[in-house]
Every structure is written in structure tokens, then in C-alpha cells.
Amino acid sequence: MVDITPKAEVYREATAKGWIRLRPETIRLIRDGRTEKGDPLYTAKIAGILAAKNTPMLIPLCHPIPITNVNVSVKIVGDDTVEVEATVKARAQTGVEMEALMATSMALLTIWDMVKTYEKDSEGQYPYTCIQNIHVIRKVKGDE
């Protein structure tokens, strides 16, 4: 683990984003509220928040950070894509980009878990689905 003892606590913020591509038929089921496991968009939002809060439990050398806010936005964009954007804030000695990436990743994985049954083709394969482009889009250190 990196020694952050000499570093001052300052305002930290990071935003990450990613997408999951699904069949248009699956997107229609989500929009119509007809997915068997419940609302994947709302569930993904909660999963993302929980993931951010538990990042140091899942990434071995990640420092526990006193998170002050997590905001996870989950929305359908286009006919075949769900976008997740997660912003994490804290006053800490180290950044919160890992927490934002974890929130985004877990939200996307939760969507996949809730809709994978609708994504199979006739041979049981998943030819269309893709989680993609998970990345940090903004990082702030210092003044709020």
C-alpha cells in the first residue's frame, strides 16, 4: 500500500462512465418495465453506490476513503445502449477515481445480470451484448 500519511486531506471528486450494449428488444423490455427480476436501471444505481462504498474491500491495495457523496446516473441512450455515469466525492488524502470506476463497473454488471436471460440467441450465445469503454472522464483535486 502506498503511504499517504504526509498528504493533506483535500476535496476530491472523480466521475467515470461506461456503457452496455443490449438488444433493442431488451431495451424495450426495460422501458416497458417487463423484466422478470425488476427494474435493472434502479437496481444498478443502488449497486453502483454500494460498490463505491466497498471499493477497498474488493481492490486489495486501495485505501479506505471517507466518501461524502456518490451519485450514479443510469439511462437508456439510443435503441440499444444503457449509459452509466458515477461521481464520487470525498475530503481525503488520495483520489476517488477507483471508487467511481468501481461504481460504474458494478452498475453495468448489475444490468447485465438482470437482463442476460433476454440476450441469448437460439443457441444460448450472447452475440450482441457488450460492456464497454469504462473510463474516468473527470478528476478534481482541491477547491470545491
Protein backbone atom coordinates (compact mmCIF):
# COMPACT_ATOMS: atom_id res chain seq x y z
CA MET A 1 0.00 0.00 0.00
CA VAL A 2 1.28 3.48 -0.80
CA ASP A 3 1.99 5.66 2.26
CA ILE A 4 -0.31 8.69 2.10
CA THR A 5 0.42 9.82 5.68
CA PRO A 6 2.20 13.06 4.68
CA LYS A 7 -0.53 14.08 2.22
CA ALA A 8 -3.09 16.67 3.29
CA GLU A 9 -6.81 15.98 3.18
CA VAL A 10 -8.35 17.96 0.32
CA TYR A 11 -11.55 17.87 -1.68
CA ARG A 12 -11.54 15.02 -4.20
CA GLU A 13 -14.01 14.20 -6.93
CA ALA A 14 -14.00 11.75 -9.82
CA THR A 15 -16.50 10.80 -12.48
CA ALA A 16 -16.42 7.62 -14.53
CA LYS A 17 -18.62 6.50 -17.38
CA GLY A 18 -19.33 3.32 -19.32
CA TRP A 19 -21.93 1.62 -21.48
CA ILE A 20 -23.62 -1.69 -22.01
CA ARG A 21 -24.98 -2.53 -25.42
CA LEU A 22 -28.08 -4.71 -25.43
CA ARG A 23 -30.54 -5.96 -27.99
CA PRO A 24 -33.20 -3.37 -28.88
CA GLU A 25 -35.80 -5.92 -27.71
CA THR A 26 -34.17 -5.98 -24.27
CA ILE A 27 -34.15 -2.18 -24.12
CA ARG A 28 -37.89 -2.22 -24.89
CA LEU A 29 -38.50 -4.67 -22.03
CA ILE A 30 -36.58 -2.36 -19.67
CA ARG A 31 -38.51 0.73 -20.87
CA ASP A 32 -41.83 -1.09 -20.51
CA GLY A 33 -40.99 -2.38 -17.02
CA ARG A 34 -41.30 -6.01 -18.11
CA THR A 35 -38.03 -7.52 -16.89
CA GLU A 36 -38.54 -10.51 -14.63
CA LYS A 37 -36.01 -9.51 -11.94
CA GLY A 38 -37.37 -5.96 -11.57
CA ASP A 39 -36.09 -2.57 -12.69
CA PRO A 40 -32.47 -3.02 -13.83
CA LEU A 41 -31.79 0.73 -14.01
CA TYR A 42 -32.80 1.43 -10.41
CA THR A 43 -31.09 -1.70 -9.12
CA ALA A 44 -27.90 -0.76 -11.00
CA LYS A 45 -27.91 2.66 -9.33
CA ILE A 46 -28.04 1.08 -5.85
CA ALA A 47 -25.39 -1.50 -6.81
CA GLY A 48 -23.09 1.30 -8.01
CA ILE A 49 -23.41 3.19 -4.74
CA LEU A 50 -22.69 0.04 -2.71
CA ALA A 51 -19.69 -0.77 -4.91
CA ALA A 52 -18.16 2.69 -4.42
CA LYS A 53 -18.52 2.37 -0.66
CA ASN A 54 -16.89 -1.08 -0.68
CA THR A 55 -14.04 -0.46 -3.12
CA PRO A 56 -11.20 -1.10 -0.61
CA MET A 57 -12.80 -4.45 0.24
CA LEU A 58 -12.57 -5.51 -3.41
CA ILE A 59 -9.33 -3.94 -4.64
CA PRO A 60 -6.55 -5.20 -2.36
CA LEU A 61 -4.27 -2.14 -2.11
CA CYS A 62 -6.93 0.56 -2.35
CA HIS A 63 -7.14 2.92 0.65
CA PRO A 64 -10.43 3.21 2.54
CA ILE A 65 -11.72 6.71 1.86
CA PRO A 66 -14.38 8.64 3.78
CA ILE A 67 -16.78 9.11 0.86
CA THR A 68 -19.15 12.04 1.30
CA ASN A 69 -21.31 11.51 -1.79
CA VAL A 70 -21.91 9.00 -4.57
CA ASN A 71 -24.19 9.81 -7.48
CA VAL A 72 -24.92 7.14 -10.08
CA SER A 73 -26.85 8.05 -13.21
CA VAL A 74 -28.24 5.21 -15.31
CA LYS A 75 -30.08 5.97 -18.53
CA ILE A 76 -31.05 4.44 -21.83
CA VAL A 77 -29.35 6.14 -24.76
CA GLY A 78 -30.48 5.15 -28.23
CA ASP A 79 -32.14 1.89 -29.17
CA ASP A 80 -29.50 -0.47 -27.84
CA THR A 81 -27.41 1.16 -25.11
CA VAL A 82 -27.56 1.93 -21.39
CA GLU A 83 -25.11 4.53 -20.10
CA VAL A 84 -23.82 4.65 -16.53
CA GLU A 85 -22.07 7.67 -15.07
CA ALA A 86 -20.85 7.69 -11.46
CA THR A 87 -19.47 10.63 -9.49
CA VAL A 88 -17.79 10.15 -6.12
CA LYS A 89 -16.81 12.93 -3.70
CA ALA A 90 -14.69 12.98 -0.55
CA ARG A 91 -12.31 15.02 1.58
CA ALA A 92 -9.34 12.69 1.61
CA GLN A 93 -5.60 12.20 1.23
CA THR A 94 -5.97 10.30 -2.02
CA GLY A 95 -8.27 10.35 -5.05
CA VAL A 96 -11.62 8.68 -5.59
CA GLU A 97 -11.27 7.55 -9.20
CA MET A 98 -11.15 3.87 -8.22
CA GLU A 99 -14.47 4.30 -6.39
CA ALA A 100 -16.02 5.98 -9.45
CA LEU A 101 -14.74 3.22 -11.74
CA MET A 102 -15.97 0.54 -9.34
CA ALA A 103 -19.43 2.15 -9.14
CA THR A 104 -19.67 2.33 -12.93
CA SER A 105 -18.46 -1.24 -13.43
CA MET A 106 -20.76 -2.76 -10.83
CA ALA A 107 -23.78 -0.85 -12.12
CA LEU A 108 -23.11 -2.17 -15.62
CA LEU A 109 -22.59 -5.72 -14.35
CA THR A 110 -25.85 -5.49 -12.42
CA ILE A 111 -27.73 -4.51 -15.56
CA TRP A 112 -26.15 -7.48 -17.34
CA ASP A 113 -27.13 -9.84 -14.53
CA MET A 114 -30.73 -8.65 -14.62
CA VAL A 115 -31.24 -8.92 -18.39
CA LYS A 116 -28.90 -11.66 -19.60
CA THR A 117 -31.77 -14.10 -19.99
CA TYR A 118 -33.18 -11.87 -22.77
CA GLU A 119 -29.85 -11.59 -24.58
CA LYS A 120 -29.33 -15.23 -25.59
CA ASP A 121 -29.77 -16.30 -29.19
CA SER A 122 -31.31 -19.63 -30.18
CA GLU A 123 -28.02 -21.43 -29.45
CA GLY A 124 -27.63 -19.93 -25.98
CA GLN A 125 -24.89 -17.50 -27.04
CA TYR A 126 -24.66 -13.76 -26.27
CA PRO A 127 -23.62 -12.37 -29.65
CA TYR A 128 -24.81 -8.78 -29.16
CA THR A 129 -24.14 -7.77 -25.58
CA CYS A 130 -21.03 -5.75 -24.73
CA ILE A 131 -19.92 -3.78 -21.68
CA GLN A 132 -17.58 -1.14 -23.00
CA ASN A 133 -15.46 1.93 -22.57
CA ILE A 134 -15.40 2.21 -18.77
CA HIS A 135 -13.18 5.21 -18.09
CA VAL A 136 -12.59 8.24 -15.89
CA ILE A 137 -13.96 11.38 -17.53
CA ARG A 138 -13.25 13.90 -14.77
CA LYS A 139 -10.97 14.16 -11.77
CA VAL A 140 -10.81 17.07 -9.31
CA LYS A 141 -8.27 17.71 -6.56
CA GLY A 142 -8.52 20.80 -4.41
CA ASP A 143 -11.08 23.61 -4.19
CA GLU A 144 -14.71 22.56 -4.36
